[in-house]
Amino acid sequence: MSETTVKKIKRSEFATFINTTPSSAATYCRMGKGITGQSVSYNPTVNTETYINEDSATNSIDGYAPSINTPQTCYVGEPVFEYIDKLRRNRALGADAETDVVLVYIYSQSGETAGVYNAEKCRCAISVEEFGGDAGNPVSLTYTVNFNGDPELGTATISEGTMTFTKASA
């Protein structure tokens, strides 16, 4: 029997990419500069019912509404900040506030090919919540990436900082 290798996953091995050019050919930029913490909130829809023949409730998970709340220190020239800041300045609504998000699990290589990782891609709507900060501190921007619909599962190839998503075949 072979031993299973157990390895702690570092945060840098879970990457989030945003399409910063949704109206043309996709340009995926990795979120990172100015962001010191980030988690996906899955926000499950839990349906609780108590049936007439039982005293305790039954729960079912009927859906999810994933989102990523992101506080980011602002850096001029950083592509994700520049894209989100433009949405903020334009007060983007509807389709103008939509793009794609790709979650890449760098800790989970897909098959034998080096540099190819399990990933998921989803449409998203970006809502900007706050811009500014306290005196003497850098300006910050807080926004939420709200996932829309079901994800496309697939793989991501990362080469020289560029990410390419490939949808899994059914």
C-alpha atoms as a PDB file:
ATOM      1  CA  MET A   1       0.000   0.000   0.000  1.00  0.00           C
ATOM      2  CA  SER A   2       1.416   3.389  -0.975  1.00  0.00           C
ATOM      3  CA  GLU A   3       1.406   6.305   1.421  1.00  0.00           C
ATOM      4  CA  THR A   4      -0.661   9.365   0.645  1.00  0.00           C
ATOM      5  CA  THR A   5       1.278  12.611   0.679  1.00  0.00           C
ATOM      6  CA  VAL A   6      -0.439  15.261   2.758  1.00  0.00           C
ATOM      7  CA  LYS A   7       0.465  18.857   1.937  1.00  0.00           C
ATOM      8  CA  LYS A   8      -0.854  22.093   3.393  1.00  0.00           C
ATOM      9  CA  ILE A   9      -2.357  24.337   0.717  1.00  0.00           C
ATOM     10  CA  LYS A  10      -1.027  27.887   0.680  1.00  0.00           C
ATOM     11  CA  ARG A  11      -3.384  30.759  -0.226  1.00  0.00           C
ATOM     12  CA  SER A  12      -1.218  31.547  -3.248  1.00  0.00           C
ATOM     13  CA  GLU A  13      -2.249  28.146  -4.676  1.00  0.00           C
ATOM     14  CA  PHE A  14      -5.881  29.247  -5.016  1.00  0.00           C
ATOM     15  CA  ALA A  15      -6.060  31.934  -7.686  1.00  0.00           C
ATOM     16  CA  THR A  16      -8.925  34.183  -8.784  1.00  0.00           C
ATOM     17  CA  PHE A  17      -8.873  35.698 -12.258  1.00  0.00           C
ATOM     18  CA  ILE A  18     -11.235  38.412 -13.562  1.00  0.00           C
ATOM     19  CA  ASN A  19     -11.868  39.178 -17.222  1.00  0.00           C
ATOM     20  CA  THR A  20     -10.950  42.872 -17.403  1.00  0.00           C
ATOM     21  CA  THR A  21     -12.025  43.258 -21.054  1.00  0.00           C
ATOM     22  CA  PRO A  22     -15.519  41.716 -21.171  1.00  0.00           C
ATOM     23  CA  SER A  23     -16.612  43.609 -24.300  1.00  0.00           C
ATOM     24  CA  SER A  24     -13.794  42.177 -26.446  1.00  0.00           C
ATOM     25  CA  ALA A  25     -11.471  39.159 -26.430  1.00  0.00           C
ATOM     26  CA  ALA A  26     -11.075  38.029 -22.811  1.00  0.00           C
ATOM     27  CA  THR A  27      -8.106  39.280 -20.822  1.00  0.00           C
ATOM     28  CA  TYR A  28      -7.886  37.430 -17.511  1.00  0.00           C
ATOM     29  CA  CYS A  29      -5.959  39.209 -14.764  1.00  0.00           C
ATOM     30  CA  ARG A  30      -5.092  37.564 -11.472  1.00  0.00           C
ATOM     31  CA  MET A  31      -6.479  39.272  -8.402  1.00  0.00           C
ATOM     32  CA  GLY A  32      -3.737  39.894  -5.866  1.00  0.00           C
ATOM     33  CA  LYS A  33      -1.992  43.270  -5.698  1.00  0.00           C
ATOM     34  CA  GLY A  34      -3.578  45.289  -2.881  1.00  0.00           C
ATOM     35  CA  ILE A  35      -5.705  42.343  -1.682  1.00  0.00           C
ATOM     36  CA  THR A  36      -4.544  40.835   1.620  1.00  0.00           C
ATOM     37  CA  GLY A  37      -7.414  38.409   2.169  1.00  0.00           C
ATOM     38  CA  GLN A  38     -10.163  36.924   0.046  1.00  0.00           C
ATOM     39  CA  SER A  39     -12.609  34.030   0.411  1.00  0.00           C
ATOM     40  CA  VAL A  40     -15.519  32.680  -1.580  1.00  0.00           C
ATOM     41  CA  SER A  41     -18.760  32.820   0.412  1.00  0.00           C
ATOM     42  CA  TYR A  42     -21.003  30.084  -0.999  1.00  0.00           C
ATOM     43  CA  ASN A  43     -24.221  31.449   0.588  1.00  0.00           C
ATOM     44  CA  PRO A  44     -26.276  28.232   0.412  1.00  0.00           C
ATOM     45  CA  THR A  45     -30.051  28.404   0.161  1.00  0.00           C
ATOM     46  CA  VAL A  46     -31.253  26.064   2.893  1.00  0.00           C
ATOM     47  CA  ASN A  47     -34.883  24.988   2.869  1.00  0.00           C
ATOM     48  CA  THR A  48     -36.100  23.840   6.297  1.00  0.00           C
ATOM     49  CA  GLU A  49     -39.334  21.906   6.630  1.00  0.00           C
ATOM     50  CA  THR A  50     -40.882  20.123   9.580  1.00  0.00           C
ATOM     51  CA  TYR A  51     -43.244  17.378   8.478  1.00  0.00           C
ATOM     52  CA  ILE A  52     -46.440  16.662  10.391  1.00  0.00           C
ATOM     53  CA  ASN A  53     -45.248  13.195  11.393  1.00  0.00           C
ATOM     54  CA  GLU A  54     -41.881  14.419  12.787  1.00  0.00           C
ATOM     55  CA  ASP A  55     -40.764  16.672  15.619  1.00  0.00           C
ATOM     56  CA  SER A  56     -37.423  17.672  14.067  1.00  0.00           C
ATOM     57  CA  ALA A  57     -36.861  19.602  10.862  1.00  0.00           C
ATOM     58  CA  THR A  58     -35.494  18.300   7.591  1.00  0.00           C
ATOM     59  CA  ASN A  59     -33.052  20.521   5.692  1.00  0.00           C
ATOM     60  CA  SER A  60     -32.234  20.522   2.011  1.00  0.00           C
ATOM     61  CA  ILE A  61     -29.721  22.590   0.110  1.00  0.00           C
ATOM     62  CA  ASP A  62     -31.642  24.060  -2.821  1.00  0.00           C
ATOM     63  CA  GLY A  63     -29.009  26.319  -4.351  1.00  0.00           C
ATOM     64  CA  TYR A  64     -26.025  28.565  -3.868  1.00  0.00           C
ATOM     65  CA  ALA A  65     -25.329  32.267  -4.431  1.00  0.00           C
ATOM     66  CA  PRO A  66     -21.501  32.453  -4.284  1.00  0.00           C
ATOM     67  CA  SER A  67     -19.812  35.810  -3.876  1.00  0.00           C
ATOM     68  CA  ILE A  68     -16.389  37.203  -3.097  1.00  0.00           C
ATOM     69  CA  ASN A  69     -16.251  40.360  -0.968  1.00  0.00           C
ATOM     70  CA  THR A  70     -12.957  42.082  -1.725  1.00  0.00           C
ATOM     71  CA  PRO A  71     -11.307  45.016  -0.003  1.00  0.00           C
ATOM     72  CA  GLN A  72      -8.397  46.210  -2.147  1.00  0.00           C
ATOM     73  CA  THR A  73      -5.760  48.875  -1.613  1.00  0.00           C
ATOM     74  CA  CYS A  74      -5.699  50.985  -4.781  1.00  0.00           C
ATOM     75  CA  TYR A  75      -2.633  50.902  -7.059  1.00  0.00           C
ATOM     76  CA  VAL A  76      -2.659  52.946 -10.247  1.00  0.00           C
ATOM     77  CA  GLY A  77      -1.727  50.667 -13.142  1.00  0.00           C
ATOM     78  CA  GLU A  78      -2.886  47.450 -11.443  1.00  0.00           C
ATOM     79  CA  PRO A  79      -5.276  45.916 -14.028  1.00  0.00           C
ATOM     80  CA  VAL A  80      -7.961  44.562 -11.659  1.00  0.00           C
ATOM     81  CA  PHE A  81      -8.125  47.852  -9.740  1.00  0.00           C
ATOM     82  CA  GLU A  82      -8.266  49.859 -12.994  1.00  0.00           C
ATOM     83  CA  TYR A  83     -11.165  47.701 -14.281  1.00  0.00           C
ATOM     84  CA  ILE A  84     -13.183  47.852 -11.026  1.00  0.00           C
ATOM     85  CA  ASP A  85     -12.461  51.575 -10.603  1.00  0.00           C
ATOM     86  CA  LYS A  86     -13.861  52.230 -14.089  1.00  0.00           C
ATOM     87  CA  LEU A  87     -17.031  50.323 -13.114  1.00  0.00           C
ATOM     88  CA  ARG A  88     -17.224  52.528  -9.994  1.00  0.00           C
ATOM     89  CA  ARG A  89     -16.736  55.812 -11.845  1.00  0.00           C
ATOM     90  CA  ASN A  90     -19.342  54.857 -14.470  1.00  0.00           C
ATOM     91  CA  ARG A  91     -21.785  53.515 -11.838  1.00  0.00           C
ATOM     92  CA  ALA A  92     -22.027  50.422 -14.062  1.00  0.00           C
ATOM     93  CA  LEU A  93     -25.427  48.735 -14.111  1.00  0.00           C
ATOM     94  CA  GLY A  94     -26.836  45.542 -15.629  1.00  0.00           C
ATOM     95  CA  ALA A  95     -24.721  43.962 -18.345  1.00  0.00           C
ATOM     96  CA  ASP A  96     -22.156  46.777 -18.021  1.00  0.00           C
ATOM     97  CA  ALA A  97     -21.277  45.446 -14.536  1.00  0.00           C
ATOM     98  CA  GLU A  98     -20.881  41.837 -15.723  1.00  0.00           C
ATOM     99  CA  THR A  99     -17.794  39.864 -16.647  1.00  0.00           C
ATOM    100  CA  ASP A 100     -16.312  36.403 -15.987  1.00  0.00           C
ATOM    101  CA  VAL A 101     -14.497  35.087 -12.933  1.00  0.00           C
ATOM    102  CA  VAL A 102     -12.274  31.998 -12.987  1.00  0.00           C
ATOM    103  CA  LEU A 103     -11.249  30.145  -9.841  1.00  0.00           C
ATOM    104  CA  VAL A 104      -8.041  28.188 -10.386  1.00  0.00           C
ATOM    105  CA  TYR A 105      -6.976  25.453  -7.984  1.00  0.00           C
ATOM    106  CA  ILE A 106      -3.217  25.558  -8.498  1.00  0.00           C
ATOM    107  CA  TYR A 107      -2.820  22.944  -5.770  1.00  0.00           C
ATOM    108  CA  SER A 108      -4.857  20.524  -7.942  1.00  0.00           C
ATOM    109  CA  GLN A 109      -3.025  19.646 -11.145  1.00  0.00           C
ATOM    110  CA  SER A 110      -5.268  18.187 -13.835  1.00  0.00           C
ATOM    111  CA  GLY A 111      -3.844  14.895 -15.083  1.00  0.00           C
ATOM    112  CA  GLU A 112      -0.197  14.489 -15.975  1.00  0.00           C
ATOM    113  CA  THR A 113       0.283  17.785 -17.821  1.00  0.00           C
ATOM    114  CA  ALA A 114       2.385  20.287 -15.867  1.00  0.00           C
ATOM    115  CA  GLY A 115       0.904  23.772 -15.576  1.00  0.00           C
ATOM    116  CA  VAL A 116      -2.699  22.631 -16.165  1.00  0.00           C
ATOM    117  CA  TYR A 117      -4.971  22.966 -13.133  1.00  0.00           C
ATOM    118  CA  ASN A 118      -8.581  22.226 -12.223  1.00  0.00           C
ATOM    119  CA  ALA A 119     -10.684  25.370 -12.529  1.00  0.00           C
ATOM    120  CA  GLU A 120     -14.200  26.747 -12.788  1.00  0.00           C
ATOM    121  CA  LYS A 121     -15.495  29.729 -14.725  1.00  0.00           C
ATOM    122  CA  CYS A 122     -18.668  31.673 -14.009  1.00  0.00           C
ATOM    123  CA  ARG A 123     -20.392  34.844 -15.186  1.00  0.00           C
ATOM    124  CA  CYS A 124     -20.478  37.455 -12.448  1.00  0.00           C
ATOM    125  CA  ALA A 125     -21.832  40.879 -11.621  1.00  0.00           C
ATOM    126  CA  ILE A 126     -19.542  43.258  -9.757  1.00  0.00           C
ATOM    127  CA  SER A 127     -21.021  45.640  -7.202  1.00  0.00           C
ATOM    128  CA  VAL A 128     -18.866  48.420  -5.793  1.00  0.00           C
ATOM    129  CA  GLU A 129     -19.561  49.195  -2.136  1.00  0.00           C
ATOM    130  CA  GLU A 130     -16.946  51.660  -0.855  1.00  0.00           C
ATOM    131  CA  PHE A 131     -14.136  53.895  -2.060  1.00  0.00           C
ATOM    132  CA  GLY A 132     -11.874  56.052   0.114  1.00  0.00           C
ATOM    133  CA  GLY A 133     -10.355  55.510   3.539  1.00  0.00           C
ATOM    134  CA  ASP A 134      -8.954  57.226   6.595  1.00  0.00           C
ATOM    135  CA  ALA A 135      -6.588  60.187   6.529  1.00  0.00           C
ATOM    136  CA  GLY A 136      -2.939  59.232   6.205  1.00  0.00           C
ATOM    137  CA  ASN A 137      -3.767  55.776   4.765  1.00  0.00           C
ATOM    138  CA  PRO A 138      -3.842  54.521   1.194  1.00  0.00           C
ATOM    139  CA  VAL A 139      -7.144  54.712  -0.683  1.00  0.00           C
ATOM    140  CA  SER A 140      -9.100  51.471  -0.673  1.00  0.00           C
ATOM    141  CA  LEU A 141     -11.911  50.071  -2.786  1.00  0.00           C
ATOM    142  CA  THR A 142     -14.367  47.441  -1.565  1.00  0.00           C
ATOM    143  CA  TYR A 143     -16.436  45.442  -4.048  1.00  0.00           C
ATOM    144  CA  THR A 144     -18.262  42.147  -4.348  1.00  0.00           C
ATOM    145  CA  VAL A 145     -17.949  39.638  -7.170  1.00  0.00           C
ATOM    146  CA  ASN A 146     -21.441  38.054  -7.341  1.00  0.00           C
ATOM    147  CA  PHE A 147     -21.464  34.769  -9.251  1.00  0.00           C
ATOM    148  CA  ASN A 148     -24.305  34.291 -11.789  1.00  0.00           C
ATOM    149  CA  GLY A 149     -25.682  30.847 -12.593  1.00  0.00           C
ATOM    150  CA  ASP A 150     -23.881  27.532 -12.654  1.00  0.00           C
ATOM    151  CA  PRO A 151     -20.109  27.327 -13.180  1.00  0.00           C
ATOM    152  CA  GLU A 152     -18.398  25.809 -16.196  1.00  0.00           C
ATOM    153  CA  LEU A 153     -15.931  23.216 -14.948  1.00  0.00           C
ATOM    154  CA  GLY A 154     -12.658  22.778 -16.776  1.00  0.00           C
ATOM    155  CA  THR A 155      -8.964  23.448 -16.594  1.00  0.00           C
ATOM    156  CA  ALA A 156      -6.743  26.487 -16.576  1.00  0.00           C
ATOM    157  CA  THR A 157      -3.311  26.763 -18.063  1.00  0.00           C
ATOM    158  CA  ILE A 158      -1.079  29.443 -16.589  1.00  0.00           C
ATOM    159  CA  SER A 159       1.974  30.427 -18.596  1.00  0.00           C
ATOM    160  CA  GLU A 160       4.075  33.518 -17.885  1.00  0.00           C
ATOM    161  CA  GLY A 161       1.217  35.054 -15.873  1.00  0.00           C
ATOM    162  CA  THR A 162      -1.385  34.496 -18.593  1.00  0.00           C
ATOM    163  CA  MET A 163      -4.334  32.226 -17.809  1.00  0.00           C
ATOM    164  CA  THR A 164      -6.319  30.315 -20.407  1.00  0.00           C
ATOM    165  CA  PHE A 165      -9.514  28.454 -19.441  1.00  0.00           C
ATOM    166  CA  THR A 166     -10.647  25.309 -21.262  1.00  0.00           C
ATOM    167  CA  LYS A 167     -14.145  23.985 -20.623  1.00  0.00           C
ATOM    168  CA  ALA A 168     -14.298  20.281 -19.739  1.00  0.00           C
ATOM    169  CA  SER A 169     -15.874  18.067 -22.383  1.00  0.00           C
ATOM    170  CA  ALA A 170     -19.160  16.530 -21.275  1.00  0.00           C
END
